[in-house]
Amino acid sequence: MNLKDTSSLDYFKELKLQLELPDPRKPAPEVDPLPPADGGVRAWLTLFGAESRWLTVAATFGYTNAFGVYQDLYTREHTASATRVSWIGSTQLFLIIAAGLPAGKLHDMGYFRHVVLTGSVIYTLSLFLLSFADPEKYYQLFLSQGLGMGIGAGLVYIPCLAVQAEHWRVRRSLALGAVTTGVAVGGIVFPIMLNQLFHSSVGYAWGIRASAFLVMGMLAVSNCLMTSYPRRHASEDSSTDFGALLKDVPYMLLSVAGLFIIWGLYFPFFYIQLYAILHGMDPTFAFYTLAILNAASVPGRIVPNLMTGRVGPINLGLIASVGCAGLTFALFGVTSVAGIVVFAILYGFFSGAFLSMFSPAITMMSKNERELGIRLGFASTLSSIGALTGTPIDGALLGATFPWSKPISFNGLLAKQRGTQIV
């Protein structure tokens, strides 16, 4: 090889290196910055370090699970009929679930922190306003507790679930179940707290303010610690087609089934405390029935998630819904303290199992992580119709004479018939 050949070889080597360098005029190819790890360091930190999202869920949806305290108080103090009172709680529940559609969409567009912070401010402000409302003025209670707190909590709940789900695939059910235990724990703490404060020298107004200060602290800590899943670009994340969701038959059938099951699921959450008192049980004991029910939902939200890999979230959701139906019929024979405790424990477990299975079943049908928020939000919005109308129907069936057989039959048959349609 002569000198000329050597220089030519060097020239082509240099040319090859130049060709391999990225062109600064062209954008770098986009890759997912953090695919779901299912056990990576960041994913496990998201689960065990998710106290921020856990606190948020406990302070919002968990507080909503304490509405049975308000249902009992407003009904027995003759603020309004059982039906009108339940409209406050059902509207709050409806908005928490229905707001998941816009909140989920905004989350998919990359505005997770903005949405959660806005919802936290609205929720806390509305709770403080409730403490200044006149219990005899129904519209004040409805505006602050039904609308304000419902909208605020709704902007928080679905984004917290969606951002948790983005870090997981195989263990997604367990991760979501762990975060949703905040709902159950909030449902334990707040009923006991509110009952003790309302029926002491503290009273109604300052009892609510005390709970509002606790909620404000929880949400302040959670917003300071909140982290979200790294995103590519908002334009790419927001490309989900609503028409494609409507044409996804399995997804739509599951969403409709969730609507009808939730229609009857919250009857005990709203009325178990009132049921116990009107059946002659000691009010001191009755004040703890709602807390017992929510406490039992903690293992219900965890244990079934450990079996999703073998059984599947849809099958487990079917078992849980049938269990709730059977237990609702069992209320016909519940007239003692022991009976109400057993009912609360079992119903809490099965209702918690269904609620913890619903989100993983929906996310399982997502094609990619960028549409988790919108799928969860759309399914939640659809099921919110049941949450809005279910308990007011129960109140109408109870009327002024409280024939408990009517709402028991209505909710038991509803859960049984629709639960079998999941498959």
Protein backbone atom coordinates (compact mmCIF):
# COMPACT_ATOMS: atom_id res chain seq x y z
CA MET A 1 0.00 0.00 0.00
CA ASN A 2 1.50 3.36 -1.07
CA LEU A 3 1.18 6.75 0.63
CA LYS A 4 -1.68 7.77 -1.59
CA ASP A 5 -3.68 4.70 -0.63
CA THR A 6 -3.03 5.33 3.08
CA SER A 7 -4.23 8.93 2.91
CA SER A 8 -7.34 7.81 1.04
CA LEU A 9 -8.09 5.24 3.77
CA ASP A 10 -7.73 7.89 6.47
CA TYR A 11 -10.00 10.17 4.54
CA PHE A 12 -12.79 7.60 4.37
CA LYS A 13 -12.39 6.79 8.10
CA GLU A 14 -12.81 10.46 8.96
CA LEU A 15 -15.80 10.70 6.63
CA LYS A 16 -17.41 7.70 8.36
CA LEU A 17 -17.01 9.29 11.80
CA GLN A 18 -18.59 12.48 10.51
CA LEU A 19 -21.54 10.58 9.11
CA GLU A 20 -22.10 8.84 12.44
CA LEU A 21 -22.28 12.10 14.41
CA PRO A 22 -25.80 13.43 15.00
CA ASP A 23 -26.86 16.32 12.86
CA PRO A 24 -27.49 19.33 15.17
CA ARG A 25 -30.03 20.69 12.69
CA LYS A 26 -32.26 17.62 13.15
CA PRO A 27 -34.15 16.86 16.37
CA ALA A 28 -32.98 13.82 18.25
CA PRO A 29 -35.24 10.81 18.00
CA GLU A 30 -37.70 10.70 20.88
CA VAL A 31 -37.61 7.78 23.25
CA ASP A 32 -39.62 7.10 26.31
CA PRO A 33 -37.46 8.63 29.08
CA LEU A 34 -38.63 6.17 31.69
CA PRO A 35 -40.50 3.06 30.62
CA PRO A 36 -42.41 1.21 33.34
CA ALA A 37 -39.83 -0.66 35.38
CA ASP A 38 -41.94 -3.13 37.39
CA GLY A 39 -39.38 -3.25 40.15
CA GLY A 40 -36.81 -0.64 39.17
CA VAL A 41 -35.49 1.67 41.86
CA ARG A 42 -37.63 4.61 40.79
CA ALA A 43 -40.76 2.46 40.49
CA TRP A 44 -40.37 1.02 44.00
CA LEU A 45 -39.65 4.48 45.37
CA THR A 46 -42.85 5.57 43.68
CA LEU A 47 -44.75 2.88 45.59
CA PHE A 48 -43.12 3.05 49.00
CA GLY A 49 -42.35 6.74 48.73
CA ALA A 50 -45.83 7.55 47.46
CA GLU A 51 -46.88 9.01 50.78
CA SER A 52 -47.59 12.23 48.91
CA ARG A 53 -50.22 10.63 46.69
CA TRP A 54 -51.42 8.43 49.56
CA LEU A 55 -51.97 11.50 51.75
CA THR A 56 -53.80 13.25 48.93
CA VAL A 57 -56.16 10.33 48.38
CA ALA A 58 -56.76 9.95 52.13
CA ALA A 59 -57.56 13.65 52.56
CA THR A 60 -59.98 13.81 49.64
CA PHE A 61 -61.70 10.55 48.72
CA GLY A 62 -61.07 9.21 52.22
CA TYR A 63 -62.93 12.17 53.72
CA THR A 64 -65.80 11.54 51.32
CA ASN A 65 -66.11 8.02 52.76
CA ALA A 66 -66.95 9.70 56.06
CA PHE A 67 -70.11 11.28 54.65
CA GLY A 68 -72.19 8.75 56.57
CA VAL A 69 -71.47 10.88 59.66
CA TYR A 70 -73.02 13.91 57.95
CA GLN A 71 -75.89 11.79 56.60
CA ASP A 72 -76.76 10.68 60.12
CA LEU A 73 -76.34 14.16 61.62
CA TYR A 74 -78.31 16.08 58.99
CA THR A 75 -81.11 13.48 58.85
CA ARG A 76 -81.66 13.15 62.59
CA GLU A 77 -81.32 16.90 63.15
CA HIS A 78 -84.01 17.41 60.50
CA THR A 79 -81.85 19.56 58.25
CA ALA A 80 -83.56 17.85 55.32
CA SER A 81 -85.06 14.50 54.34
CA ALA A 82 -82.79 11.49 53.85
CA THR A 83 -83.12 11.88 50.08
CA ARG A 84 -82.12 15.56 50.02
CA VAL A 85 -79.23 14.97 52.40
CA SER A 86 -77.92 12.10 50.30
CA TRP A 87 -77.91 14.37 47.26
CA ILE A 88 -75.11 16.34 48.95
CA GLY A 89 -72.94 13.27 49.39
CA SER A 90 -73.82 11.72 46.04
CA THR A 91 -73.06 14.97 44.20
CA GLN A 92 -69.71 15.12 45.94
CA LEU A 93 -69.01 11.50 45.01
CA PHE A 94 -70.23 12.09 41.44
CA LEU A 95 -67.91 15.05 40.92
CA ILE A 96 -64.91 13.22 42.38
CA ILE A 97 -65.39 10.47 39.82
CA ALA A 98 -66.72 12.57 36.90
CA ALA A 99 -63.96 15.17 37.15
CA GLY A 100 -61.60 12.34 36.31
CA LEU A 101 -62.28 12.91 32.59
CA PRO A 102 -60.88 16.48 32.34
CA ALA A 103 -58.36 15.81 35.11
CA GLY A 104 -57.15 12.65 33.39
CA LYS A 105 -56.83 14.44 30.06
CA LEU A 106 -54.84 17.28 31.61
CA HIS A 107 -52.64 14.72 33.33
CA ASP A 108 -51.92 13.03 29.99
CA MET A 109 -50.98 16.44 28.59
CA GLY A 110 -48.32 16.87 31.29
CA TYR A 111 -50.13 19.13 33.77
CA PHE A 112 -50.17 16.71 36.70
CA ARG A 113 -48.82 19.08 39.35
CA HIS A 114 -50.95 22.00 38.17
CA VAL A 115 -54.18 20.01 38.31
CA VAL A 116 -53.48 18.47 41.72
CA LEU A 117 -52.49 21.81 43.26
CA THR A 118 -55.60 23.52 41.90
CA GLY A 119 -57.84 20.73 43.18
CA SER A 120 -56.17 20.83 46.61
CA VAL A 121 -56.82 24.56 46.98
CA ILE A 122 -60.47 24.28 45.89
CA TYR A 123 -61.09 21.31 48.18
CA THR A 124 -59.52 22.87 51.29
CA LEU A 125 -61.25 26.21 50.77
CA SER A 126 -64.63 24.50 50.34
CA LEU A 127 -64.15 22.50 53.54
CA PHE A 128 -63.43 25.68 55.50
CA LEU A 129 -66.49 27.31 53.94
CA LEU A 130 -68.58 24.34 55.09
CA SER A 131 -67.61 25.11 58.69
CA PHE A 132 -69.18 28.57 58.30
CA ALA A 133 -72.34 27.23 56.64
CA ASP A 134 -75.60 27.21 58.55
CA PRO A 135 -76.70 23.56 59.06
CA GLU A 136 -80.29 24.74 58.66
CA LYS A 137 -79.55 26.24 55.21
CA TYR A 138 -79.51 23.34 52.78
CA TYR A 139 -78.17 25.34 49.81
CA GLN A 140 -75.07 26.37 51.78
CA LEU A 141 -74.28 22.75 52.60
CA PHE A 142 -74.88 21.67 49.01
CA LEU A 143 -72.68 24.37 47.48
CA SER A 144 -69.71 23.93 49.80
CA GLN A 145 -69.83 20.19 50.55
CA GLY A 146 -71.48 18.84 47.42
CA LEU A 147 -70.10 21.03 44.65
CA GLY A 148 -66.94 22.65 46.02
CA MET A 149 -65.43 19.65 47.77
CA GLY A 150 -66.51 17.34 44.94
CA ILE A 151 -64.82 19.38 42.22
CA GLY A 152 -61.65 19.86 44.26
CA ALA A 153 -61.29 16.17 45.13
CA GLY A 154 -62.10 15.18 41.56
CA LEU A 155 -59.15 17.17 40.21
CA VAL A 156 -56.87 15.24 42.56
CA TYR A 157 -57.98 11.61 42.59
CA ILE A 158 -57.62 10.27 39.03
CA PRO A 159 -54.27 12.00 38.30
CA CYS A 160 -52.83 10.44 41.47
CA LEU A 161 -53.92 6.99 40.30
CA ALA A 162 -52.76 7.54 36.73
CA VAL A 163 -49.27 8.73 37.64
CA GLN A 164 -48.86 5.71 39.91
CA ALA A 165 -50.00 3.32 37.17
CA GLU A 166 -47.48 4.72 34.69
CA HIS A 167 -44.56 3.19 36.60
CA TRP A 168 -45.91 -0.35 36.56
CA ARG A 169 -47.24 -3.07 34.27
CA VAL A 170 -46.98 -6.48 35.93
CA ARG A 171 -47.38 -5.13 39.48
CA ARG A 172 -49.75 -2.34 38.53
CA SER A 173 -52.68 -3.73 40.53
CA LEU A 174 -50.59 -3.94 43.68
CA ALA A 175 -49.25 -0.42 43.20
CA LEU A 176 -52.73 1.04 42.68
CA GLY A 177 -54.12 -0.96 45.58
CA ALA A 178 -51.43 0.40 47.89
CA VAL A 179 -52.24 4.00 46.99
CA THR A 180 -56.01 3.53 47.27
CA THR A 181 -55.62 2.28 50.84
CA GLY A 182 -55.50 5.99 51.57
CA VAL A 183 -59.23 6.06 50.83
CA ALA A 184 -59.84 3.42 53.48
CA VAL A 185 -57.56 4.96 56.09
CA GLY A 186 -59.18 8.36 55.58
CA GLY A 187 -62.51 6.59 55.99
CA ILE A 188 -61.32 5.27 59.36
CA VAL A 189 -59.80 8.43 60.80
CA PHE A 190 -62.33 11.06 59.73
CA PRO A 191 -65.56 9.33 60.88
CA ILE A 192 -64.13 8.79 64.36
CA MET A 193 -62.73 12.31 64.47
CA LEU A 194 -65.92 13.99 63.25
CA ASN A 195 -68.24 11.97 65.51
CA GLN A 196 -66.13 12.72 68.57
CA LEU A 197 -65.93 16.43 67.78
CA PHE A 198 -69.55 16.92 66.73
CA HIS A 199 -70.91 15.29 69.88
CA SER A 200 -68.60 17.09 72.31
CA SER A 201 -68.10 20.65 73.47
CA VAL A 202 -66.22 21.39 70.23
CA GLY A 203 -69.42 21.22 68.19
CA TYR A 204 -70.25 21.19 64.51
CA ALA A 205 -68.45 24.31 63.20
CA TRP A 206 -65.12 23.87 64.98
CA GLY A 207 -65.26 20.13 64.42
CA ILE A 208 -65.25 20.72 60.69
CA ARG A 209 -62.52 23.36 61.01
CA ALA A 210 -60.33 20.95 62.95
CA SER A 211 -60.70 18.39 60.18
CA ALA A 212 -60.06 21.13 57.59
CA PHE A 213 -56.77 22.08 59.25
CA LEU A 214 -55.73 18.42 59.21
CA VAL A 215 -56.69 18.11 55.53
CA MET A 216 -54.83 21.32 54.68
CA GLY A 217 -51.67 19.99 56.32
CA MET A 218 -51.92 16.66 54.52
CA LEU A 219 -52.42 18.30 51.13
CA ALA A 220 -49.65 20.84 51.74
CA VAL A 221 -47.15 18.07 52.48
CA SER A 222 -48.31 15.97 49.53
CA ASN A 223 -48.04 18.85 47.04
CA CYS A 224 -44.52 19.64 48.23
CA LEU A 225 -43.44 16.02 47.78
CA MET A 226 -45.43 15.29 44.63
CA THR A 227 -43.54 13.86 41.65
CA SER A 228 -44.86 12.87 38.26
CA TYR A 229 -43.83 10.52 35.50
CA PRO A 230 -41.39 12.09 32.97
CA ARG A 231 -43.19 12.94 29.74
CA ARG A 232 -42.22 13.37 26.12
CA HIS A 233 -44.34 16.17 24.68
CA ALA A 234 -47.82 17.36 25.48
CA SER A 235 -48.80 17.21 21.81
CA GLU A 236 -47.96 13.52 21.60
CA ASP A 237 -49.52 12.69 24.96
CA SER A 238 -52.84 14.31 24.07
CA SER A 239 -53.47 12.32 20.90
CA THR A 240 -55.97 9.82 22.35
CA ASP A 241 -59.03 9.45 20.14
CA PHE A 242 -62.36 9.44 22.01
CA GLY A 243 -63.94 7.63 19.09
CA ALA A 244 -61.48 4.78 19.54
CA LEU A 245 -62.51 4.47 23.19
CA LEU A 246 -66.19 4.26 22.27
CA LYS A 247 -65.45 1.55 19.71
CA ASP A 248 -63.43 -0.51 22.18
CA VAL A 249 -66.22 -2.96 23.08
CA PRO A 250 -64.55 -4.78 26.04
CA TYR A 251 -63.51 -1.45 27.55
CA MET A 252 -67.01 0.02 27.18
CA LEU A 253 -68.71 -3.09 28.60
CA LEU A 254 -66.45 -2.97 31.65
CA SER A 255 -67.13 0.74 32.11
CA VAL A 256 -70.91 0.27 31.89
CA ALA A 257 -70.74 -2.64 34.36
CA GLY A 258 -68.85 -0.39 36.75
CA LEU A 259 -71.62 2.21 36.42
CA PHE A 260 -74.35 -0.18 37.59
CA ILE A 261 -72.31 -1.76 40.38
CA ILE A 262 -71.33 1.62 41.83
CA TRP A 263 -75.02 2.55 41.59
CA GLY A 264 -75.67 0.28 44.57
CA LEU A 265 -72.22 -0.02 46.16
CA TYR A 266 -72.29 3.06 48.41
CA PHE A 267 -75.57 2.36 50.22
CA PRO A 268 -73.84 1.04 53.40
CA PHE A 269 -71.23 3.82 53.30
CA PHE A 270 -73.98 6.44 53.53
CA TYR A 271 -76.50 4.68 55.75
CA ILE A 272 -74.81 2.12 58.03
CA GLN A 273 -74.45 4.54 60.96
CA LEU A 274 -78.07 5.68 60.64
CA TYR A 275 -79.16 2.04 60.23
CA ALA A 276 -77.44 1.03 63.47
CA ILE A 277 -78.93 3.89 65.49
CA LEU A 278 -82.47 3.41 64.19
CA HIS A 279 -82.22 -0.30 65.05
CA GLY A 280 -81.73 0.58 68.72
CA MET A 281 -77.97 0.18 68.96
CA ASP A 282 -75.92 2.36 71.29
CA PRO A 283 -75.00 5.60 69.45
CA THR A 284 -71.49 5.40 70.89
CA PHE A 285 -71.04 2.07 69.13
CA ALA A 286 -72.88 3.21 65.99
CA PHE A 287 -70.37 6.03 65.56
CA TYR A 288 -67.68 3.40 64.91
CA THR A 289 -69.56 1.30 62.34
CA LEU A 290 -68.43 3.39 59.40
CA ALA A 291 -64.83 3.30 60.62
CA ILE A 292 -65.02 -0.50 60.95
CA LEU A 293 -66.34 -0.79 57.40
CA ASN A 294 -63.54 1.38 56.01
CA ALA A 295 -60.90 -0.41 58.09
CA ALA A 296 -61.96 -3.75 56.61
CA SER A 297 -61.53 -2.34 53.11
CA VAL A 298 -57.77 -1.95 53.67
CA PRO A 299 -57.03 -5.70 53.30
CA GLY A 300 -59.71 -5.76 50.61
CA ARG A 301 -57.64 -3.31 48.58
CA ILE A 302 -54.38 -5.23 49.07
CA VAL A 303 -54.98 -9.00 49.32
CA PRO A 304 -56.84 -9.48 46.00
CA ASN A 305 -54.15 -7.47 44.22
CA LEU A 306 -51.65 -10.15 45.14
CA MET A 307 -53.67 -12.65 43.09
CA THR A 308 -54.27 -10.59 39.95
CA GLY A 309 -51.41 -12.28 38.10
CA ARG A 310 -53.14 -15.66 38.32
CA VAL A 311 -56.84 -14.75 38.48
CA GLY A 312 -57.03 -11.38 36.73
CA PRO A 313 -58.59 -8.12 37.94
CA ILE A 314 -61.84 -8.63 35.98
CA ASN A 315 -62.52 -12.04 37.52
CA LEU A 316 -61.67 -10.76 40.99
CA GLY A 317 -63.95 -7.78 40.44
CA LEU A 318 -66.77 -10.17 39.54
CA ILE A 319 -66.28 -12.15 42.75
CA ALA A 320 -66.18 -8.96 44.81
CA SER A 321 -69.39 -7.53 43.27
CA VAL A 322 -71.31 -10.77 43.87
CA GLY A 323 -70.02 -10.76 47.45
CA CYS A 324 -71.33 -7.22 47.97
CA ALA A 325 -74.73 -8.26 46.61
CA GLY A 326 -75.01 -11.22 48.96
CA LEU A 327 -73.97 -9.16 51.95
CA THR A 328 -76.51 -6.47 51.12
CA PHE A 329 -79.28 -9.08 51.31
CA ALA A 330 -77.78 -10.25 54.62
CA LEU A 331 -78.83 -6.92 56.14
CA PHE A 332 -82.34 -8.39 56.43
CA GLY A 333 -81.07 -10.41 59.38
CA VAL A 334 -78.71 -7.87 60.92
CA THR A 335 -80.34 -6.50 64.10
CA SER A 336 -77.59 -6.87 66.72
CA VAL A 337 -74.22 -5.36 67.49
CA ALA A 338 -72.41 -8.58 66.54
CA GLY A 339 -74.32 -8.77 63.27
CA ILE A 340 -73.54 -5.20 62.24
CA VAL A 341 -69.84 -5.68 63.05
CA VAL A 342 -69.62 -8.85 60.94
CA PHE A 343 -71.49 -7.15 58.11
CA ALA A 344 -69.23 -4.07 58.22
CA ILE A 345 -66.08 -6.18 58.14
CA LEU A 346 -67.18 -8.39 55.25
CA TYR A 347 -68.78 -5.62 53.20
CA GLY A 348 -65.74 -3.41 53.71
CA PHE A 349 -63.46 -6.18 52.42
CA PHE A 350 -65.52 -6.99 49.30
CA SER A 351 -66.32 -3.38 48.41
CA GLY A 352 -62.66 -2.45 48.82
CA ALA A 353 -61.71 -5.38 46.60
CA PHE A 354 -64.06 -4.26 43.84
CA LEU A 355 -62.94 -0.63 43.96
CA SER A 356 -59.28 -1.65 43.91
CA MET A 357 -59.85 -3.99 40.94
CA PHE A 358 -61.75 -1.51 38.79
CA SER A 359 -58.80 0.79 38.02
CA PRO A 360 -56.32 -2.02 37.20
CA ALA A 361 -58.93 -3.64 34.94
CA ILE A 362 -59.33 -0.36 33.05
CA THR A 363 -55.59 0.33 32.79
CA MET A 364 -55.05 -3.26 31.58
CA MET A 365 -56.95 -2.28 28.43
CA SER A 366 -54.74 0.73 27.72
CA LYS A 367 -52.56 0.40 24.63
CA ASN A 368 -49.78 2.55 26.11
CA GLU A 369 -48.97 4.63 29.18
CA ARG A 370 -49.89 7.89 27.47
CA GLU A 371 -53.61 7.09 27.53
CA LEU A 372 -53.91 5.82 31.09
CA GLY A 373 -55.34 9.08 32.37
CA ILE A 374 -58.01 9.44 29.70
CA ARG A 375 -59.14 5.80 29.96
CA LEU A 376 -59.39 5.99 33.74
CA GLY A 377 -61.12 9.36 33.49
CA PHE A 378 -63.68 8.28 30.91
CA ALA A 379 -64.61 5.09 32.77
CA SER A 380 -64.83 7.04 36.03
CA THR A 381 -67.07 9.67 34.46
CA LEU A 382 -69.42 7.00 33.17
CA SER A 383 -69.60 5.24 36.55
CA SER A 384 -70.16 8.57 38.30
CA ILE A 385 -73.76 8.54 37.06
CA GLY A 386 -74.39 5.62 39.39
CA ALA A 387 -72.64 7.41 42.24
CA LEU A 388 -74.81 10.48 41.70
CA THR A 389 -78.20 8.79 41.68
CA GLY A 390 -77.74 5.62 43.76
CA THR A 391 -77.92 6.93 47.33
CA PRO A 392 -80.65 9.53 46.65
CA ILE A 393 -82.79 6.66 45.33
CA ASP A 394 -82.05 4.86 48.59
CA GLY A 395 -83.21 7.92 50.51
CA ALA A 396 -86.41 8.12 48.48
CA LEU A 397 -87.10 4.44 49.16
CA LEU A 398 -86.59 5.02 52.89
CA GLY A 399 -88.92 8.01 52.96
CA ALA A 400 -90.05 9.23 56.37
CA THR A 401 -90.84 5.80 57.84
CA PHE A 402 -87.53 4.06 56.97
CA PRO A 403 -88.66 0.71 55.49
CA TRP A 404 -85.13 -0.69 55.11
CA SER A 405 -86.30 -3.67 53.06
CA LYS A 406 -86.80 -1.46 49.98
CA PRO A 407 -83.25 -0.09 49.56
CA ILE A 408 -81.76 -3.43 50.63
CA SER A 409 -83.63 -5.26 47.87
CA PHE A 410 -82.90 -2.54 45.31
CA ASN A 411 -79.14 -2.47 45.91
CA GLY A 412 -78.75 -6.22 46.34
CA LEU A 413 -80.48 -7.09 43.08
CA LEU A 414 -78.69 -4.32 41.21
CA ALA A 415 -75.21 -5.46 42.26
CA LYS A 416 -75.99 -9.12 41.58
CA GLN A 417 -77.48 -8.66 38.11
CA ARG A 418 -74.87 -6.20 36.85
CA GLY A 419 -71.95 -7.92 38.51
CA THR A 420 -72.52 -11.04 36.44
CA GLN A 421 -72.31 -8.90 33.29
CA ILE A 422 -68.65 -8.09 33.87
CA VAL A 423 -67.70 -11.30 32.13
